[in-house]
Amino acid sequence: MTPLKRRSLALAGLAGAFLTVLGTAGQAAAVTYYDVAPGVRLNVRSGPGTSYPIVRVLPEGSRVAIYCQTPGTTVTGPYGTSNIWDNISNGQYVSDAYVHTGSDGYVASRCA
């Protein structure tokens, strides 16, 4: 085997290994969406509490992905009383008391 052919095979092997690792690491985890309480227009806040500014309002019938959860202001809503806040996007939080997760506790990892 010539040195050029040997180098080409080695590079092809490295590229294949890199793509295998990249493909595995680059795959996103499945995102679960949860229903917001029926008939509710839900305030989205910049932090985990009612003292944070409202950044937008979700319309009735919305569904949200929860990326992480953190404790904050205690809120009473259609799904009970909770101090858990759901991070639904970068810098956007909603009270878990308004999101039907099927649990009174955490359903996602804690926010860093």
C-alpha atoms as a PDB file:
ATOM      1  CA  MET A   1       0.000   0.000   0.000  1.00  0.00           C
ATOM      2  CA  THR A   2       1.373   3.423  -0.919  1.00  0.00           C
ATOM      3  CA  PRO A   3       1.856   6.127   1.743  1.00  0.00           C
ATOM      4  CA  LEU A   4      -0.773   8.275   0.003  1.00  0.00           C
ATOM      5  CA  LYS A   5      -3.370   5.489   0.043  1.00  0.00           C
ATOM      6  CA  ARG A   6      -2.547   4.705   3.710  1.00  0.00           C
ATOM      7  CA  ARG A   7      -2.987   8.404   4.634  1.00  0.00           C
ATOM      8  CA  SER A   8      -6.314   8.575   2.748  1.00  0.00           C
ATOM      9  CA  LEU A   9      -7.635   5.497   4.561  1.00  0.00           C
ATOM     10  CA  ALA A  10      -6.535   6.900   7.920  1.00  0.00           C
ATOM     11  CA  LEU A  11      -8.247  10.242   7.218  1.00  0.00           C
ATOM     12  CA  ALA A  12     -11.402   8.464   6.061  1.00  0.00           C
ATOM     13  CA  GLY A  13     -11.419   6.429   9.288  1.00  0.00           C
ATOM     14  CA  LEU A  14     -10.989   9.551  11.420  1.00  0.00           C
ATOM     15  CA  ALA A  15     -13.744  11.363   9.539  1.00  0.00           C
ATOM     16  CA  GLY A  16     -16.107   8.411  10.038  1.00  0.00           C
ATOM     17  CA  ALA A  17     -15.342   8.271  13.761  1.00  0.00           C
ATOM     18  CA  PHE A  18     -15.829  12.039  14.084  1.00  0.00           C
ATOM     19  CA  LEU A  19     -19.197  11.908  12.297  1.00  0.00           C
ATOM     20  CA  THR A  20     -20.330   9.018  14.487  1.00  0.00           C
ATOM     21  CA  VAL A  21     -19.500  10.970  17.660  1.00  0.00           C
ATOM     22  CA  LEU A  22     -20.950  14.187  16.244  1.00  0.00           C
ATOM     23  CA  GLY A  23     -24.136  12.420  15.172  1.00  0.00           C
ATOM     24  CA  THR A  24     -24.618  10.909  18.613  1.00  0.00           C
ATOM     25  CA  ALA A  25     -23.749  14.042  20.555  1.00  0.00           C
ATOM     26  CA  GLY A  26     -25.598  16.333  18.163  1.00  0.00           C
ATOM     27  CA  GLN A  27     -28.946  14.611  18.557  1.00  0.00           C
ATOM     28  CA  ALA A  28     -31.322  16.614  20.714  1.00  0.00           C
ATOM     29  CA  ALA A  29     -33.289  14.931  23.478  1.00  0.00           C
ATOM     30  CA  ALA A  30     -36.988  14.579  22.820  1.00  0.00           C
ATOM     31  CA  VAL A  31     -38.898  17.631  23.994  1.00  0.00           C
ATOM     32  CA  THR A  32     -42.184  17.117  25.844  1.00  0.00           C
ATOM     33  CA  TYR A  33     -44.926  19.713  25.454  1.00  0.00           C
ATOM     34  CA  TYR A  34     -47.446  20.410  28.214  1.00  0.00           C
ATOM     35  CA  ASP A  35     -50.879  22.038  28.020  1.00  0.00           C
ATOM     36  CA  VAL A  36     -51.520  25.379  29.662  1.00  0.00           C
ATOM     37  CA  ALA A  37     -54.760  25.376  31.714  1.00  0.00           C
ATOM     38  CA  PRO A  38     -57.866  25.706  29.510  1.00  0.00           C
ATOM     39  CA  GLY A  39     -59.241  29.222  29.091  1.00  0.00           C
ATOM     40  CA  VAL A  40     -56.095  30.844  30.474  1.00  0.00           C
ATOM     41  CA  ARG A  41     -53.993  33.557  28.861  1.00  0.00           C
ATOM     42  CA  LEU A  42     -50.752  32.934  30.737  1.00  0.00           C
ATOM     43  CA  ASN A  43     -48.237  35.637  31.655  1.00  0.00           C
ATOM     44  CA  VAL A  44     -44.658  34.742  30.727  1.00  0.00           C
ATOM     45  CA  ARG A  45     -42.139  36.452  32.991  1.00  0.00           C
ATOM     46  CA  SER A  46     -38.430  37.186  32.723  1.00  0.00           C
ATOM     47  CA  GLY A  47     -37.706  35.271  35.936  1.00  0.00           C
ATOM     48  CA  PRO A  48     -39.232  32.754  38.344  1.00  0.00           C
ATOM     49  CA  GLY A  49     -41.652  34.977  40.203  1.00  0.00           C
ATOM     50  CA  THR A  50     -44.538  37.409  40.023  1.00  0.00           C
ATOM     51  CA  SER A  51     -42.222  40.367  40.696  1.00  0.00           C
ATOM     52  CA  TYR A  52     -40.427  39.822  37.375  1.00  0.00           C
ATOM     53  CA  PRO A  53     -41.642  41.784  34.327  1.00  0.00           C
ATOM     54  CA  ILE A  54     -44.096  40.170  31.913  1.00  0.00           C
ATOM     55  CA  VAL A  55     -42.306  39.580  28.595  1.00  0.00           C
ATOM     56  CA  ARG A  56     -45.296  38.183  26.675  1.00  0.00           C
ATOM     57  CA  VAL A  57     -48.673  36.507  27.167  1.00  0.00           C
ATOM     58  CA  LEU A  58     -49.467  33.004  25.917  1.00  0.00           C
ATOM     59  CA  PRO A  59     -52.866  32.731  24.214  1.00  0.00           C
ATOM     60  CA  GLU A  60     -55.572  30.303  25.338  1.00  0.00           C
ATOM     61  CA  GLY A  61     -54.898  26.731  24.218  1.00  0.00           C
ATOM     62  CA  SER A  62     -51.101  27.090  24.312  1.00  0.00           C
ATOM     63  CA  ARG A  63     -48.675  24.246  24.851  1.00  0.00           C
ATOM     64  CA  VAL A  64     -45.203  24.760  26.283  1.00  0.00           C
ATOM     65  CA  ALA A  65     -41.937  22.855  26.355  1.00  0.00           C
ATOM     66  CA  ILE A  66     -40.276  22.840  29.776  1.00  0.00           C
ATOM     67  CA  TYR A  67     -36.489  22.992  29.495  1.00  0.00           C
ATOM     68  CA  CYS A  68     -35.785  23.227  33.232  1.00  0.00           C
ATOM     69  CA  GLN A  69     -37.568  24.167  36.451  1.00  0.00           C
ATOM     70  CA  THR A  70     -36.640  26.316  39.434  1.00  0.00           C
ATOM     71  CA  PRO A  71     -38.226  27.448  42.698  1.00  0.00           C
ATOM     72  CA  GLY A  72     -39.672  30.956  42.915  1.00  0.00           C
ATOM     73  CA  THR A  73     -42.759  32.825  44.062  1.00  0.00           C
ATOM     74  CA  THR A  74     -45.560  30.565  45.306  1.00  0.00           C
ATOM     75  CA  VAL A  75     -48.615  30.801  43.030  1.00  0.00           C
ATOM     76  CA  THR A  76     -52.085  29.237  43.233  1.00  0.00           C
ATOM     77  CA  GLY A  77     -53.618  28.245  39.912  1.00  0.00           C
ATOM     78  CA  PRO A  78     -55.863  25.638  38.276  1.00  0.00           C
ATOM     79  CA  TYR A  79     -53.363  22.866  39.063  1.00  0.00           C
ATOM     80  CA  GLY A  80     -52.829  23.695  42.728  1.00  0.00           C
ATOM     81  CA  THR A  81     -50.376  25.807  44.670  1.00  0.00           C
ATOM     82  CA  SER A  82     -46.741  25.627  43.660  1.00  0.00           C
ATOM     83  CA  ASN A  83     -43.460  27.477  43.943  1.00  0.00           C
ATOM     84  CA  ILE A  84     -42.120  25.702  40.833  1.00  0.00           C
ATOM     85  CA  TRP A  85     -41.489  27.851  37.758  1.00  0.00           C
ATOM     86  CA  ASP A  86     -41.041  26.370  34.305  1.00  0.00           C
ATOM     87  CA  ASN A  87     -38.396  27.731  31.960  1.00  0.00           C
ATOM     88  CA  ILE A  88     -40.081  27.639  28.527  1.00  0.00           C
ATOM     89  CA  SER A  89     -37.427  29.593  26.620  1.00  0.00           C
ATOM     90  CA  ASN A  90     -34.309  31.621  27.304  1.00  0.00           C
ATOM     91  CA  GLY A  91     -35.280  34.101  30.033  1.00  0.00           C
ATOM     92  CA  GLN A  92     -38.976  33.101  29.949  1.00  0.00           C
ATOM     93  CA  TYR A  93     -40.770  31.512  32.899  1.00  0.00           C
ATOM     94  CA  VAL A  94     -44.341  30.485  33.719  1.00  0.00           C
ATOM     95  CA  SER A  95     -45.806  29.254  36.989  1.00  0.00           C
ATOM     96  CA  ASP A  96     -46.135  25.475  37.064  1.00  0.00           C
ATOM     97  CA  ALA A  97     -49.534  25.950  38.776  1.00  0.00           C
ATOM     98  CA  TYR A  98     -50.898  26.821  35.302  1.00  0.00           C
ATOM     99  CA  VAL A  99     -49.238  24.009  33.345  1.00  0.00           C
ATOM    100  CA  HIS A 100     -50.680  20.480  33.272  1.00  0.00           C
ATOM    101  CA  THR A 101     -47.612  18.325  33.904  1.00  0.00           C
ATOM    102  CA  GLY A 102     -49.452  15.536  35.717  1.00  0.00           C
ATOM    103  CA  SER A 103     -47.226  16.009  38.755  1.00  0.00           C
ATOM    104  CA  ASP A 104     -47.046  18.210  41.848  1.00  0.00           C
ATOM    105  CA  GLY A 105     -43.248  18.029  41.693  1.00  0.00           C
ATOM    106  CA  TYR A 106     -40.462  18.569  39.227  1.00  0.00           C
ATOM    107  CA  VAL A 107     -40.804  16.973  35.791  1.00  0.00           C
ATOM    108  CA  ALA A 108     -37.601  18.465  34.337  1.00  0.00           C
ATOM    109  CA  SER A 109     -34.101  19.109  35.625  1.00  0.00           C
ATOM    110  CA  ARG A 110     -33.408  22.094  37.861  1.00  0.00           C
ATOM    111  CA  CYS A 111     -32.256  25.234  36.069  1.00  0.00           C
ATOM    112  CA  ALA A 112     -28.567  25.997  36.563  1.00  0.00           C
END
